[in-house]
Each structure stands twice: as C-alpha cells, then as structure tokens.
Amino acid sequence: MTSDPRHDRRLRRPDYDDRIVSPGRAARLRSRVAEIVAAFWRDQAPAVAPAAVAAAVDAFFELYAERPIADNSGGSGFNDSLWLFSTARLLAPSLIVESGVYKGHSSWFLRRAAPDASLHCIDLDLSQRQWCDESIRYHEGDWSDLTLEAPADGAALCFFDDHVSQARRIREAHARGFRTLLFGDDLAAETLYATGRPPLPTVSMILDPTLAPGERIEWLRAGTTHSYTVDAADIASARRLIRSARPMPDLAPVTRYRPQSGLTLVTLVD
C-alpha cells in the first residue's frame, strides 16, 4: 500500500496548527487542562492557588499561538511547554537556568513566564538557535563550567534538557545551592529506547529499587544496540540528595498533541 502524501504532510504539521476555535469548547479544554495542573500543584505546593493556575494556563494558550518557532521538532512540544511555562510562572523564581537551548523555543517560554527573572541559557552549540533575546545571558559550553549559584533566598529554578546524566546534574545543582530542578527525558529503565541520548541514569532510574548493581540494560534505537551498566555508587550519591521527585502528568490524552518527553520536578534536600 502506498502512502497518501497529503496524509504525510498532515502528520508533519506543527502542533497547534490543528486546534479548537469555538470559544466555549476552547474554554472547556483550558479548564480541563487547568484541573490537571492544579491537582499537581495542590500536592506539590499547596500555597499555589487554583486561580493562579487557571491564569497561567490561559496565558499559555494565548502565547502558544504567538511562539516564534512554529515547528520545534526534536524539542519541547505543546504539552511539555505548558508545564515548563506554568512552573516558571507559578514558582516565580528570581533566577532560572536552562541547560539545553536547541532552537530557543523553551527559552522564549521561560522569558514570557518570568519576565523579571535573571535567565541563563546554556548549550554546547548555540548555533542552532532560531530565537534569542538580549535580556537572556547565553553561555556556550556545559553549565558545570560556569560559576552560577542559587540566590540566598533559594528562589531559583533549573531546567535540564541536555541529555547529560541526571545523577550528575543533581549533584552539581545541589552543590551550588539549587533545590528545585525540572528534568526532561526522565525515562524509566524499560523505555530508554524513546530518545536518542537518554540522560543516564535518569531520575526514575535513580529511584528505581529494582535496578541491581552492575545490571546491564540493553535496548535498540534505530537499528543500533545501546547499553548501560548500573553504577550503584553513582545512583546512591544522587538518591540521597532527593527530597521528592514528581513526574508531571502527561496532558496528551486531554490535548491530543504529541505525548510529553518525560518531565519530572525534583526537590533536593537542604
């Protein structure tokens, strides 16, 4: 059977090209999304008011249509971006660190969510940016090469979407005083095939009691076999720094946009 090229083009359209435009139904969709986001923050941070969540979700829906990068294939889509935006808007940090810039899509949402925050965006290769802003401090390299430290009041957020070991990022962030971290691509050991460069070990793996020291995990990705051997000491050193880790619910069953990449909010011990 040959494929219909019209169907193929439809599959490649950026998310939000297809959306509900009837005002009443659009409001209902936003309300359903806000309920999920509010339930997450009710358990995570009871001080976050449902009205603030609803306002953040409404603001995101309005902003998404204005995003400068319509097609962010390979990066955050609608659902990931909504969680990223709402997290930065609701926590209102004075300092935000983003490790993994890619085209600049996430940087744009972080700046819109927290316009007064000091925003540092870091990537090994900044040449792929399609959007940048003079209010953002860009750094080419690895975040561990910088001297960034959390402010004394702890009002800071780190977003790690850089395919680097999440155990390593937890240790580095804790040493610099950061206590609130958002990780992308937090995959369970059984689903490491879902991305080309999983940040091993992931938060889910760090907290997985079924992983045995020295266990070898193998998976196929695009016809190539990959493997990871569990380093018990590496995992233990990160695990003891974690106060809580909460995966953000996938909004795809409600929005019907592509599934999330695996976002997890991590709070570290003092």
Protein backbone atom coordinates (compact mmCIF):
# COMPACT_ATOMS: atom_id res chain seq x y z
CA MET A 1 0.00 0.00 0.00
CA THR A 2 1.40 3.40 -0.93
CA SER A 3 1.09 6.31 1.47
CA ASP A 4 -1.06 9.33 0.75
CA PRO A 5 1.31 12.34 0.57
CA ARG A 6 -1.47 14.60 1.83
CA HIS A 7 -1.73 12.44 4.95
CA ASP A 8 2.06 12.55 5.41
CA ARG A 9 2.07 16.34 5.27
CA ARG A 10 -0.72 16.45 7.83
CA LEU A 11 1.32 14.33 10.24
CA ARG A 12 4.24 16.73 9.93
CA ARG A 13 2.26 19.88 10.70
CA PRO A 14 3.35 21.70 13.86
CA ASP A 15 1.15 21.13 16.88
CA TYR A 16 -1.46 23.84 17.42
CA ASP A 17 -1.94 24.23 13.68
CA ASP A 18 -4.88 21.98 14.48
CA ARG A 19 -6.97 23.31 17.38
CA ILE A 20 -10.49 24.04 18.55
CA VAL A 21 -11.66 27.58 17.81
CA SER A 22 -15.21 27.58 19.18
CA PRO A 23 -14.91 29.85 22.25
CA GLY A 24 -16.99 27.67 24.57
CA ARG A 25 -15.20 24.44 23.66
CA ALA A 26 -11.79 26.16 23.83
CA ALA A 27 -12.62 27.38 27.33
CA ARG A 28 -13.66 23.85 28.29
CA LEU A 29 -10.33 22.46 27.07
CA ARG A 30 -8.40 25.05 29.07
CA SER A 31 -10.47 24.22 32.14
CA ARG A 32 -9.74 20.51 31.82
CA VAL A 33 -6.01 21.19 31.46
CA ALA A 34 -6.06 23.61 34.41
CA GLU A 35 -7.68 20.93 36.59
CA ILE A 36 -4.75 18.57 35.94
CA VAL A 37 -2.14 21.25 36.54
CA ALA A 38 -3.90 22.44 39.72
CA ALA A 39 -4.05 18.88 41.09
CA PHE A 40 -0.29 18.55 40.60
CA TRP A 41 0.46 21.80 42.43
CA ARG A 42 -2.08 21.11 45.16
CA ASP A 43 0.11 18.23 46.31
CA GLN A 44 3.45 19.78 45.39
CA ALA A 45 2.93 23.32 46.70
CA PRO A 46 -0.41 23.85 48.49
CA ALA A 47 0.18 27.61 48.58
CA VAL A 48 -0.30 27.79 44.80
CA ALA A 49 -3.89 28.95 44.31
CA PRO A 50 -6.15 27.30 41.69
CA ALA A 51 -6.93 30.76 40.31
CA ALA A 52 -3.23 31.35 39.68
CA VAL A 53 -3.01 28.02 37.88
CA ALA A 54 -6.01 28.84 35.69
CA ALA A 55 -4.50 32.23 34.83
CA ALA A 56 -1.17 30.60 33.92
CA VAL A 57 -2.88 28.04 31.69
CA ASP A 58 -4.95 30.73 29.97
CA ALA A 59 -1.82 32.82 29.40
CA PHE A 60 -0.01 29.85 27.91
CA PHE A 61 -2.78 29.06 25.43
CA GLU A 62 -2.72 32.66 24.26
CA LEU A 63 1.06 32.72 23.98
CA TYR A 64 1.46 29.42 22.18
CA ALA A 65 -0.15 30.78 19.05
CA GLU A 66 2.45 33.59 19.07
CA ARG A 67 5.55 31.41 19.57
CA PRO A 68 8.38 32.42 17.21
CA ILE A 69 9.36 28.81 16.42
CA ALA A 70 6.31 27.11 14.94
CA ASP A 71 7.97 23.73 14.41
CA ASN A 72 10.12 22.64 17.33
CA SER A 73 10.57 19.04 16.19
CA GLY A 74 13.20 17.39 18.35
CA GLY A 75 12.44 19.75 21.25
CA SER A 76 9.57 20.61 23.57
CA GLY A 77 6.07 20.44 22.12
CA PHE A 78 2.78 21.87 23.36
CA ASN A 79 2.39 19.70 26.46
CA ASP A 80 6.00 19.99 27.67
CA SER A 81 5.94 23.72 27.02
CA LEU A 82 2.76 24.16 29.04
CA TRP A 83 4.31 22.51 32.09
CA LEU A 84 7.53 24.48 31.67
CA PHE A 85 5.71 27.80 31.33
CA SER A 86 3.30 27.18 34.20
CA THR A 87 6.08 26.00 36.51
CA ALA A 88 8.15 29.13 35.93
CA ARG A 89 5.08 31.37 36.17
CA LEU A 90 3.76 29.83 39.41
CA LEU A 91 7.10 29.50 41.23
CA ALA A 92 8.23 32.99 40.14
CA PRO A 93 11.97 32.35 40.61
CA SER A 94 14.42 35.24 40.56
CA LEU A 95 16.98 33.05 38.74
CA ILE A 96 16.34 30.48 36.01
CA VAL A 97 18.99 28.26 34.46
CA GLU A 98 18.23 26.36 31.25
CA SER A 99 20.73 23.72 30.15
CA GLY A 100 19.91 22.64 26.61
CA VAL A 101 18.79 25.53 24.39
CA TYR A 102 18.42 23.96 20.92
CA LYS A 103 16.32 26.36 18.80
CA GLY A 104 15.37 28.68 21.66
CA HIS A 105 11.74 27.58 21.93
CA SER A 106 11.89 26.82 25.66
CA SER A 107 13.91 29.94 26.34
CA TRP A 108 11.12 32.00 24.81
CA PHE A 109 8.52 30.47 27.12
CA LEU A 110 10.73 30.84 30.18
CA ARG A 111 11.24 34.53 29.42
CA ARG A 112 7.49 35.04 28.94
CA ALA A 113 6.69 33.13 32.13
CA ALA A 114 9.14 35.06 34.30
CA PRO A 115 9.95 38.37 32.58
CA ASP A 116 11.84 39.78 35.57
CA ALA A 117 13.96 36.71 36.33
CA SER A 118 17.65 36.53 35.57
CA LEU A 119 17.70 33.90 32.81
CA HIS A 120 20.85 31.98 31.87
CA CYS A 121 20.62 29.66 28.85
CA ILE A 122 23.44 27.19 28.20
CA ASP A 123 24.22 24.83 25.34
CA LEU A 124 27.28 23.12 23.90
CA ASP A 125 26.32 24.53 20.49
CA LEU A 126 24.33 27.76 20.30
CA SER A 127 24.46 27.88 16.51
CA GLN A 128 21.12 26.06 16.29
CA ARG A 129 19.21 28.95 17.90
CA GLN A 130 16.39 30.38 15.83
CA TRP A 131 15.32 32.82 18.55
CA CYS A 132 17.35 34.78 21.06
CA ASP A 133 16.81 37.78 23.30
CA GLU A 134 19.17 40.43 24.58
CA SER A 135 17.73 40.11 28.10
CA ILE A 136 19.00 36.50 28.30
CA ARG A 137 22.56 35.60 29.18
CA TYR A 138 23.73 32.87 26.81
CA HIS A 139 26.65 30.57 27.50
CA GLU A 140 28.25 28.10 25.11
CA GLY A 141 29.61 25.06 26.90
CA ASP A 142 28.47 22.97 29.85
CA TRP A 143 26.74 24.54 32.84
CA SER A 144 29.32 22.95 35.17
CA ASP A 145 31.92 25.27 33.61
CA LEU A 146 30.05 28.33 34.93
CA THR A 147 30.11 29.86 38.39
CA LEU A 148 26.33 30.11 38.71
CA GLU A 149 24.99 29.69 42.23
CA ALA A 150 21.48 29.87 43.64
CA PRO A 151 20.47 33.12 45.38
CA ALA A 152 20.43 33.18 49.17
CA ASP A 153 16.63 33.05 49.28
CA GLY A 154 16.62 29.89 47.16
CA ALA A 155 14.21 31.35 44.60
CA ALA A 156 15.73 29.57 41.63
CA LEU A 157 14.75 27.00 39.01
CA CYS A 158 16.99 24.78 36.91
CA PHE A 159 15.66 23.18 33.73
CA PHE A 160 17.86 20.35 32.50
CA ASP A 161 17.05 19.15 28.99
CA ASP A 162 20.59 18.44 27.89
CA HIS A 163 20.89 14.62 27.70
CA VAL A 164 23.53 14.58 30.45
CA SER A 165 23.42 12.15 33.38
CA GLN A 166 20.66 13.33 35.69
CA ALA A 167 22.54 11.92 38.68
CA ARG A 168 25.42 14.20 37.79
CA ARG A 169 23.12 17.22 37.37
CA ILE A 170 21.54 16.58 40.77
CA ARG A 171 24.93 16.55 42.48
CA GLU A 172 26.10 19.66 40.64
CA ALA A 173 22.90 21.60 41.31
CA HIS A 174 22.88 20.68 45.00
CA ALA A 175 26.49 21.77 45.42
CA ARG A 176 25.56 25.19 44.00
CA GLY A 177 22.58 25.67 46.28
CA PHE A 178 19.81 24.89 43.78
CA ARG A 179 16.91 22.96 45.26
CA THR A 180 14.19 23.00 42.55
CA LEU A 181 15.02 21.18 39.33
CA LEU A 182 12.95 20.29 36.28
CA PHE A 183 14.22 17.42 34.14
CA GLY A 184 13.26 16.45 30.61
CA ASP A 185 13.58 12.91 29.23
CA ASP A 186 13.15 11.28 32.63
CA LEU A 187 12.67 7.78 31.25
CA ALA A 188 12.25 4.54 33.14
CA ALA A 189 14.85 1.84 32.51
CA GLU A 190 12.27 -0.06 30.44
CA THR A 191 11.77 2.81 27.98
CA LEU A 192 15.28 4.09 27.27
CA TYR A 193 14.66 3.48 23.56
CA ALA A 194 12.35 6.52 23.46
CA THR A 195 15.15 9.04 22.88
CA GLY A 196 18.45 9.00 21.07
CA ARG A 197 20.60 10.08 24.02
CA PRO A 198 18.96 9.24 27.34
CA PRO A 199 20.47 11.16 30.30
CA LEU A 200 21.71 8.10 32.17
CA PRO A 201 20.93 7.43 34.87
CA THR A 202 17.60 9.24 34.82
CA VAL A 203 15.71 10.36 37.93
CA SER A 204 13.34 7.42 37.52
CA MET A 205 16.31 5.04 37.45
CA ILE A 206 17.90 6.71 40.48
CA LEU A 207 14.72 5.97 42.44
CA ASP A 208 14.07 2.52 40.97
CA PRO A 209 14.60 -0.13 43.69
CA THR A 210 14.54 -2.95 41.12
CA LEU A 211 17.83 -1.92 39.48
CA ALA A 212 20.63 -4.22 40.61
CA PRO A 213 24.27 -3.07 40.97
CA GLY A 214 26.14 -3.98 37.83
CA GLU A 215 22.95 -4.78 35.89
CA ARG A 216 23.42 -4.34 32.15
CA ILE A 217 20.46 -2.80 30.32
CA GLU A 218 20.33 -3.06 26.53
CA TRP A 219 17.94 -1.50 24.03
CA LEU A 220 17.54 -0.93 20.31
CA ARG A 221 17.22 2.53 18.78
CA ALA A 222 17.06 2.98 15.01
CA GLY A 223 18.58 -0.45 14.49
CA THR A 224 21.55 0.15 16.80
CA THR A 225 22.07 -1.63 20.12
CA HIS A 226 22.87 0.56 23.13
CA SER A 227 23.66 -0.40 26.69
CA TYR A 228 24.06 0.98 30.20
CA THR A 229 25.57 -0.72 33.25
CA VAL A 230 24.10 0.27 36.60
CA ASP A 231 26.63 2.11 38.76
CA ALA A 232 25.29 1.69 42.29
CA ALA A 233 27.60 4.32 43.84
CA ASP A 234 26.67 6.91 41.20
CA ILE A 235 22.98 6.30 41.78
CA ALA A 236 23.22 6.28 45.57
CA SER A 237 25.11 9.58 45.68
CA ALA A 238 22.27 11.29 43.80
CA ARG A 239 19.42 9.46 45.55
CA ARG A 240 20.37 10.75 48.97
CA LEU A 241 20.10 14.35 47.72
CA ILE A 242 16.50 13.98 46.51
CA ARG A 243 13.72 15.12 48.82
CA SER A 244 10.94 14.45 46.32
CA ALA A 245 10.51 13.68 42.63
CA ARG A 246 7.15 14.03 40.90
CA PRO A 247 6.56 13.22 37.23
CA MET A 248 4.30 15.78 35.60
CA PRO A 249 1.13 14.14 34.25
CA ASP A 250 1.02 13.71 30.50
CA LEU A 251 -1.55 16.11 29.07
CA ALA A 252 -1.69 14.33 25.72
CA PRO A 253 -4.88 12.33 26.49
CA VAL A 254 -6.66 15.68 27.00
CA THR A 255 -5.00 17.95 24.43
CA ARG A 256 -4.35 15.18 21.86
CA TYR A 257 -0.98 16.69 20.98
CA ARG A 258 2.12 14.52 20.97
CA PRO A 259 2.98 12.85 24.29
CA GLN A 260 5.37 14.53 26.69
CA SER A 261 9.06 13.71 26.78
CA GLY A 262 9.04 12.74 30.46
CA LEU A 263 9.12 15.84 32.67
CA THR A 264 9.85 15.42 36.37
CA LEU A 265 10.04 18.09 39.07
CA VAL A 266 12.71 17.30 41.64
CA THR A 267 13.17 18.96 45.03
CA LEU A 268 16.51 18.48 46.74
CA VAL A 269 17.32 18.27 50.43
CA ASP A 270 18.96 21.16 52.22
